């Protein structure tokens, strides 16, 4: 897998950040924060990974 993410993943992640949900720069923590709120494990992991990348870039 590469770094290219679909619009769905990017839109979901940015929407969660705008809502004020606090995420970390650790994948495992982000994955547990998302929990079962997303429809599938694959999408949850992709969103958590994208959020991790966003937080690392901001630092």
N, C-alpha and C. Protein backbone atom coordinates (compact mmCIF):
# COMPACT_ATOMS: atom_id res chain seq x y z
N UNK A 1 0.84 -1.17 0.00
CA UNK A 1 0.00 0.00 0.00
C UNK A 1 0.89 1.24 0.00
N UNK A 2 0.42 2.23 -0.71
CA UNK A 2 1.17 3.47 -0.78
C UNK A 2 0.57 4.54 0.09
N UNK A 3 0.98 5.77 -0.16
CA UNK A 3 0.49 6.89 0.62
C UNK A 3 -0.76 7.53 0.02
N UNK A 4 -1.23 7.03 -1.09
CA UNK A 4 -2.40 7.61 -1.74
C UNK A 4 -3.66 7.13 -1.04
N UNK A 5 -4.47 8.05 -0.57
CA UNK A 5 -5.72 7.71 0.11
C UNK A 5 -6.89 8.24 -0.72
N UNK A 6 -8.03 7.59 -0.61
CA UNK A 6 -9.21 7.99 -1.36
C UNK A 6 -9.83 9.24 -0.74
N UNK A 7 -10.73 9.85 -1.50
CA UNK A 7 -11.42 11.04 -1.01
C UNK A 7 -12.23 10.73 0.24
N UNK A 8 -12.82 9.55 0.31
CA UNK A 8 -13.62 9.16 1.47
C UNK A 8 -12.79 9.19 2.74
N UNK A 9 -11.59 8.64 2.69
CA UNK A 9 -10.71 8.58 3.86
C UNK A 9 -10.30 9.98 4.27
N UNK A 10 -9.88 10.79 3.32
CA UNK A 10 -9.44 12.15 3.62
C UNK A 10 -10.57 12.99 4.17
N UNK A 11 -11.75 12.91 3.56
CA UNK A 11 -12.89 13.70 3.98
C UNK A 11 -13.33 13.30 5.39
N UNK A 12 -13.35 12.01 5.67
CA UNK A 12 -13.74 11.52 6.99
C UNK A 12 -12.76 11.99 8.05
N UNK A 13 -11.48 11.86 7.77
CA UNK A 13 -10.45 12.25 8.75
C UNK A 13 -10.49 13.75 9.02
N UNK A 14 -10.58 14.54 7.99
CA UNK A 14 -10.61 16.00 8.18
C UNK A 14 -11.89 16.43 8.88
N UNK A 15 -13.00 15.75 8.62
CA UNK A 15 -14.25 16.06 9.30
C UNK A 15 -14.17 15.77 10.79
N UNK A 16 -13.52 14.66 11.15
CA UNK A 16 -13.35 14.32 12.56
C UNK A 16 -12.45 15.33 13.28
N UNK A 17 -11.43 15.82 12.58
CA UNK A 17 -10.54 16.82 13.17
C UNK A 17 -11.29 18.13 13.38
N UNK A 18 -12.13 18.51 12.42
CA UNK A 18 -12.92 19.73 12.55
C UNK A 18 -13.93 19.64 13.68
N UNK A 19 -14.43 18.44 13.97
CA UNK A 19 -15.39 18.26 15.05
C UNK A 19 -14.75 18.44 16.42
N UNK A 20 -13.43 18.42 16.46
CA UNK A 20 -12.74 18.65 17.72
C UNK A 20 -12.31 17.38 18.44
N UNK A 21 -12.33 16.26 17.76
CA UNK A 21 -11.88 15.02 18.38
C UNK A 21 -10.36 15.07 18.48
N UNK A 22 -9.83 14.77 19.66
CA UNK A 22 -8.38 14.85 19.87
C UNK A 22 -7.73 13.53 19.47
N UNK A 23 -6.83 13.61 18.51
CA UNK A 23 -6.09 12.45 18.05
C UNK A 23 -4.62 12.63 18.37
N UNK A 24 -3.89 11.51 18.41
CA UNK A 24 -2.46 11.52 18.71
C UNK A 24 -1.66 11.26 17.45
N UNK A 25 -0.34 11.20 17.62
CA UNK A 25 0.52 10.84 16.50
C UNK A 25 0.88 9.36 16.55
N UNK A 26 0.07 8.56 17.29
CA UNK A 26 0.27 7.12 17.38
C UNK A 26 -0.93 6.41 16.76
N UNK A 27 -0.65 5.48 15.88
CA UNK A 27 -1.69 4.77 15.15
C UNK A 27 -2.62 4.00 16.08
N UNK A 28 -2.06 3.25 17.03
CA UNK A 28 -2.86 2.42 17.92
C UNK A 28 -3.84 3.25 18.75
N UNK A 29 -3.38 4.42 19.22
CA UNK A 29 -4.27 5.29 20.01
C UNK A 29 -5.41 5.82 19.15
N UNK A 30 -5.10 6.22 17.93
CA UNK A 30 -6.13 6.73 17.02
C UNK A 30 -7.14 5.64 16.69
N UNK A 31 -6.66 4.42 16.53
CA UNK A 31 -7.53 3.30 16.20
C UNK A 31 -8.52 3.04 17.34
N UNK A 32 -8.07 3.12 18.58
CA UNK A 32 -8.97 2.89 19.70
C UNK A 32 -9.94 4.05 19.88
N UNK A 33 -9.52 5.28 19.57
CA UNK A 33 -10.43 6.43 19.65
C UNK A 33 -11.57 6.27 18.65
N UNK A 34 -11.24 5.81 17.45
CA UNK A 34 -12.28 5.62 16.43
C UNK A 34 -13.23 4.49 16.81
N UNK A 35 -12.68 3.47 17.46
CA UNK A 35 -13.49 2.37 17.97
C UNK A 35 -14.37 1.73 16.92
N UNK A 36 -15.63 1.58 17.24
CA UNK A 36 -16.58 0.93 16.33
C UNK A 36 -17.48 1.93 15.62
N UNK A 37 -17.04 3.19 15.58
CA UNK A 37 -17.88 4.20 14.95
C UNK A 37 -17.83 4.16 13.42
N UNK A 38 -16.84 3.48 12.86
CA UNK A 38 -16.73 3.38 11.41
C UNK A 38 -17.22 2.01 10.95
N UNK A 39 -17.70 1.92 9.70
CA UNK A 39 -18.38 0.70 9.24
C UNK A 39 -17.51 -0.55 9.12
N UNK A 40 -16.25 -0.39 8.80
CA UNK A 40 -15.43 -1.59 8.63
C UNK A 40 -14.04 -1.38 9.22
N UNK A 41 -13.38 -2.50 9.49
CA UNK A 41 -12.05 -2.46 10.07
C UNK A 41 -11.04 -1.82 9.12
N UNK A 42 -11.17 -2.10 7.84
CA UNK A 42 -10.24 -1.56 6.85
C UNK A 42 -10.34 -0.04 6.79
N UNK A 43 -11.54 0.50 6.75
CA UNK A 43 -11.72 1.95 6.69
C UNK A 43 -11.24 2.59 7.98
N UNK A 44 -11.54 1.96 9.13
CA UNK A 44 -11.08 2.48 10.42
C UNK A 44 -9.56 2.58 10.46
N UNK A 45 -8.89 1.54 9.99
CA UNK A 45 -7.43 1.54 10.01
C UNK A 45 -6.86 2.58 9.04
N UNK A 46 -7.48 2.75 7.89
CA UNK A 46 -7.00 3.74 6.93
C UNK A 46 -7.18 5.15 7.47
N UNK A 47 -8.31 5.43 8.10
CA UNK A 47 -8.55 6.76 8.67
C UNK A 47 -7.57 7.01 9.82
N UNK A 48 -7.36 6.01 10.67
CA UNK A 48 -6.42 6.15 11.79
C UNK A 48 -5.01 6.41 11.27
N UNK A 49 -4.62 5.74 10.21
CA UNK A 49 -3.30 5.95 9.63
C UNK A 49 -3.16 7.33 9.02
N UNK A 50 -4.20 7.80 8.36
CA UNK A 50 -4.16 9.13 7.76
C UNK A 50 -4.12 10.20 8.84
N UNK A 51 -4.86 10.02 9.92
CA UNK A 51 -4.84 10.96 11.04
C UNK A 51 -3.45 11.01 11.68
N UNK A 52 -2.82 9.85 11.78
CA UNK A 52 -1.46 9.80 12.33
C UNK A 52 -0.51 10.59 11.47
N UNK A 53 -0.65 10.44 10.16
CA UNK A 53 0.21 11.18 9.25
C UNK A 53 -0.03 12.68 9.34
N UNK A 54 -1.28 13.10 9.45
CA UNK A 54 -1.61 14.52 9.57
C UNK A 54 -0.97 15.10 10.83
N UNK A 55 -1.11 14.39 11.95
CA UNK A 55 -0.56 14.89 13.22
C UNK A 55 0.97 14.96 13.19
N UNK A 56 1.61 13.99 12.55
CA UNK A 56 3.08 14.02 12.46
C UNK A 56 3.56 15.17 11.59
N UNK A 57 2.80 15.50 10.54
CA UNK A 57 3.18 16.61 9.66
C UNK A 57 3.04 17.94 10.37
N UNK A 58 2.06 18.07 11.27
CA UNK A 58 1.85 19.33 11.98
C UNK A 58 2.96 19.61 13.00
N UNK A 59 3.61 18.56 13.49
CA UNK A 59 4.66 18.75 14.49
C UNK A 59 5.94 19.19 13.92
